[in-house]
């Protein structure tokens, strides 16, 4: 049994994550839903980059990307990923490690349709992570897809969501004299019961 209370209280780590994110939305000046996403390439060399978390589901975290990007190809190969979400204004962070799957059904269609027109056209135009001759070449491609799709571009077949189903979630909050509070939730596989431990700072 852990001595969790206050901001750490609750039996559902996803509910805690949603509560922390909602609090951060009131205090973070930019992109409170930004996460540092980590993957590994075929040689096991780590990669990290910032992406925007778009949904905290009942049992998973979801972001969207081009499936031909480096991060998506690495995730597809490994079947797992990790991220950290850090809020300077709250002095808190959440770390997640888990298994991955694509979200390329109605939820992806709905999210794509909710994006601005320019973002939807940009998704078609960008060959993400691959070499680009020039900015002018990119803008020419934007003009080409705009002429083709107009005001109603469909979701590209190479673009959609990635769902991370955690096997580990750690909640961290800053403490005086660097005596931080850390609670880690672990389970053997998605859908199984959580074990919760307090960690030393």
Protein backbone atom coordinates (compact mmCIF):
# COMPACT_ATOMS: atom_id res chain seq x y z
CA UNK A 1 0.00 0.00 0.00
CA UNK A 2 1.35 3.41 -0.92
CA UNK A 3 0.75 6.71 0.84
CA UNK A 4 -0.76 8.41 -2.18
CA UNK A 5 -2.93 11.46 -1.59
CA UNK A 6 -3.69 14.84 -3.14
CA UNK A 7 -2.63 15.04 -6.80
CA UNK A 8 -1.57 11.36 -6.76
CA UNK A 9 -4.85 9.98 -5.37
CA UNK A 10 -7.11 7.68 -7.36
CA UNK A 11 -7.44 4.17 -8.73
CA UNK A 12 -7.19 5.06 -12.43
CA UNK A 13 -3.86 6.35 -13.77
CA UNK A 14 -5.52 7.61 -16.97
CA UNK A 15 -7.92 9.74 -14.91
CA UNK A 16 -4.94 11.16 -13.00
CA UNK A 17 -3.18 11.91 -16.30
CA UNK A 18 -6.29 13.67 -17.65
CA UNK A 19 -6.58 15.72 -14.45
CA UNK A 20 -2.93 16.80 -14.61
CA UNK A 21 -3.26 17.68 -18.29
CA UNK A 22 -6.41 19.73 -17.63
CA UNK A 23 -4.56 21.60 -14.89
CA UNK A 24 -1.58 22.22 -17.19
CA UNK A 25 -3.88 23.64 -19.86
CA UNK A 26 -4.59 26.55 -17.50
CA UNK A 27 -0.95 27.38 -16.79
CA UNK A 28 1.30 26.25 -19.65
CA UNK A 29 1.84 29.04 -22.21
CA UNK A 30 2.27 26.70 -25.19
CA UNK A 31 1.27 23.15 -26.09
CA UNK A 32 0.48 21.63 -22.67
CA UNK A 33 -0.13 18.35 -24.53
CA UNK A 34 3.43 18.18 -25.93
CA UNK A 35 5.26 14.92 -25.27
CA UNK A 36 8.86 13.87 -25.87
CA UNK A 37 8.35 10.61 -27.76
CA UNK A 38 11.11 7.98 -27.73
CA UNK A 39 11.60 5.13 -30.18
CA UNK A 40 14.50 2.92 -31.24
CA UNK A 41 15.75 2.21 -34.75
CA UNK A 42 16.70 -1.18 -36.21
CA UNK A 43 20.15 -0.97 -34.54
CA UNK A 44 18.65 -0.17 -31.13
CA UNK A 45 19.79 3.48 -31.29
CA UNK A 46 17.26 5.69 -29.45
CA UNK A 47 15.43 8.56 -31.13
CA UNK A 48 13.41 11.33 -29.46
CA UNK A 49 11.24 14.16 -30.72
CA UNK A 50 8.35 16.35 -29.58
CA UNK A 51 4.83 15.47 -30.75
CA UNK A 52 1.36 16.47 -29.57
CA UNK A 53 -0.69 14.01 -27.56
CA UNK A 54 -4.25 14.17 -28.85
CA UNK A 55 -6.22 11.89 -26.57
CA UNK A 56 -6.04 10.13 -23.22
CA UNK A 57 -8.39 7.20 -23.70
CA UNK A 58 -9.72 4.82 -21.06
CA UNK A 59 -6.66 2.56 -21.48
CA UNK A 60 -4.26 4.32 -23.83
CA UNK A 61 -2.60 7.50 -25.10
CA UNK A 62 -3.01 8.53 -28.77
CA UNK A 63 -1.07 10.82 -31.12
CA UNK A 64 -1.20 11.21 -34.91
CA UNK A 65 1.51 11.11 -37.55
CA UNK A 66 2.56 10.19 -41.06
CA UNK A 67 3.02 6.40 -41.05
CA UNK A 68 6.01 6.78 -43.39
CA UNK A 69 7.85 9.03 -40.90
CA UNK A 70 10.92 7.80 -39.03
CA UNK A 71 9.04 7.59 -35.72
CA UNK A 72 6.16 5.60 -37.18
CA UNK A 73 8.49 3.18 -38.99
CA UNK A 74 10.50 2.65 -35.80
CA UNK A 75 7.33 2.10 -33.78
CA UNK A 76 5.99 -0.34 -36.38
CA UNK A 77 9.22 -2.32 -36.21
CA UNK A 78 9.59 -2.40 -32.42
CA UNK A 79 5.91 -2.50 -31.44
CA UNK A 80 6.62 -0.28 -28.45
CA UNK A 81 7.41 3.31 -27.50
CA UNK A 82 7.86 5.63 -24.54
CA UNK A 83 7.22 9.28 -23.80
CA UNK A 84 7.57 11.91 -21.12
CA UNK A 85 5.19 14.83 -20.64
CA UNK A 86 6.73 17.65 -18.61
CA UNK A 87 5.11 20.84 -17.34
CA UNK A 88 7.44 23.55 -16.04
CA UNK A 89 4.54 25.60 -14.67
CA UNK A 90 3.32 22.70 -12.51
CA UNK A 91 6.75 21.18 -11.84
CA UNK A 92 5.34 17.77 -12.74
CA UNK A 93 5.91 15.09 -15.32
CA UNK A 94 4.40 11.82 -16.49
CA UNK A 95 6.50 9.03 -17.98
CA UNK A 96 4.90 6.27 -20.06
CA UNK A 97 6.24 3.04 -21.57
CA UNK A 98 4.08 0.66 -23.53
CA UNK A 99 3.00 -1.35 -26.53
CA UNK A 100 1.75 0.28 -29.71
CA UNK A 101 -0.92 -0.16 -32.35
CA UNK A 102 -2.33 1.91 -35.19
CA UNK A 103 -5.52 3.92 -34.98
CA UNK A 104 -6.50 4.21 -38.63
CA UNK A 105 -10.27 3.84 -38.40
CA UNK A 106 -13.17 6.24 -37.72
CA UNK A 107 -11.35 7.97 -34.84
CA UNK A 108 -8.48 8.88 -37.18
CA UNK A 109 -10.94 10.08 -39.83
CA UNK A 110 -12.74 12.26 -37.28
CA UNK A 111 -9.53 13.78 -35.93
CA UNK A 112 -8.18 14.46 -39.42
CA UNK A 113 -11.45 16.19 -40.38
CA UNK A 114 -11.17 18.41 -37.27
CA UNK A 115 -7.81 19.82 -38.36
CA UNK A 116 -7.51 23.10 -40.23
CA UNK A 117 -7.67 22.88 -44.02
CA UNK A 118 -4.02 23.95 -44.35
CA UNK A 119 -2.93 21.24 -41.91
CA UNK A 120 -4.90 18.61 -43.86
CA UNK A 121 -3.34 19.71 -47.13
CA UNK A 122 0.08 19.80 -45.47
CA UNK A 123 -0.36 16.18 -44.38
CA UNK A 124 -0.77 15.23 -48.04
CA UNK A 125 2.13 17.39 -49.21
CA UNK A 126 4.81 16.41 -46.70
CA UNK A 127 6.87 13.26 -47.23
CA UNK A 128 7.76 13.38 -43.54
CA UNK A 129 11.34 12.64 -42.47
CA UNK A 130 12.57 12.21 -46.05
CA UNK A 131 15.01 14.56 -47.86
CA UNK A 132 13.52 17.82 -49.21
CA UNK A 133 15.11 19.70 -52.09
CA UNK A 134 13.90 23.13 -50.96
CA UNK A 135 11.10 25.03 -49.24
CA UNK A 136 9.91 26.05 -52.70
CA UNK A 137 9.53 22.39 -53.67
CA UNK A 138 7.40 21.77 -50.59
CA UNK A 139 5.15 24.76 -51.34
CA UNK A 140 4.79 23.58 -54.94
CA UNK A 141 3.58 20.23 -53.62
CA UNK A 142 1.11 22.03 -51.34
CA UNK A 143 -0.22 23.88 -54.40
CA UNK A 144 -0.51 20.62 -56.32
CA UNK A 145 -2.51 18.81 -53.62
CA UNK A 146 -4.65 21.92 -53.10
CA UNK A 147 -5.57 21.88 -56.79
CA UNK A 148 -6.35 18.18 -56.54
CA UNK A 149 -8.38 18.09 -53.30
CA UNK A 150 -9.66 21.65 -52.86
CA UNK A 151 -11.47 22.29 -49.59
CA UNK A 152 -12.19 18.67 -48.68
CA UNK A 153 -9.03 16.53 -48.67
CA UNK A 154 -9.68 13.01 -47.34
CA UNK A 155 -7.39 11.48 -44.74
CA UNK A 156 -4.29 10.16 -46.51
CA UNK A 157 -3.86 6.36 -46.35
CA UNK A 158 -0.36 6.96 -44.97
CA UNK A 159 -1.53 9.17 -42.09
CA UNK A 160 -3.27 8.22 -38.85
CA UNK A 161 -3.00 7.60 -35.15
CA UNK A 162 -0.68 5.58 -32.96
CA UNK A 163 -2.04 4.29 -29.69
CA UNK A 164 0.31 3.55 -26.80
CA UNK A 165 -1.09 1.02 -24.33
CA UNK A 166 1.06 1.43 -21.22
CA UNK A 167 2.65 -1.24 -19.10
CA UNK A 168 4.28 1.47 -16.97
CA UNK A 169 3.20 5.00 -15.99
CA UNK A 170 5.18 7.16 -13.58
CA UNK A 171 3.83 10.32 -11.98
CA UNK A 172 6.48 12.75 -10.71
CA UNK A 173 6.09 16.00 -8.78
CA UNK A 174 8.79 18.39 -7.64
CA UNK A 175 9.64 18.36 -3.94
CA UNK A 176 11.57 20.66 -1.65
CA UNK A 177 15.33 20.05 -1.46
CA UNK A 178 15.03 17.76 -4.51
CA UNK A 179 13.06 15.24 -2.43
CA UNK A 180 10.56 14.66 -5.23
CA UNK A 181 7.44 12.50 -5.09
CA UNK A 182 7.36 9.60 -7.54
CA UNK A 183 4.74 6.90 -7.97
CA UNK A 184 5.04 4.23 -10.64
CA UNK A 185 2.15 2.09 -11.88
CA UNK A 186 3.25 -1.20 -13.48
CA UNK A 187 1.49 -4.18 -15.03
CA UNK A 188 2.63 -7.23 -16.98
CA UNK A 189 0.49 -6.42 -20.02
CA UNK A 190 -2.22 -3.96 -21.10
CA UNK A 191 -5.54 -4.75 -19.48
CA UNK A 192 -4.05 -6.45 -16.43
CA UNK A 193 -4.12 -5.16 -12.85
CA UNK A 194 -1.75 -2.37 -11.82
CA UNK A 195 0.84 -2.54 -9.06
CA UNK A 196 1.75 0.83 -7.55
CA UNK A 197 5.04 1.73 -5.86
CA UNK A 198 6.50 4.88 -4.39
CA UNK A 199 10.04 5.46 -5.68
CA UNK A 200 12.95 7.29 -4.13
CA UNK A 201 13.64 10.66 -5.73
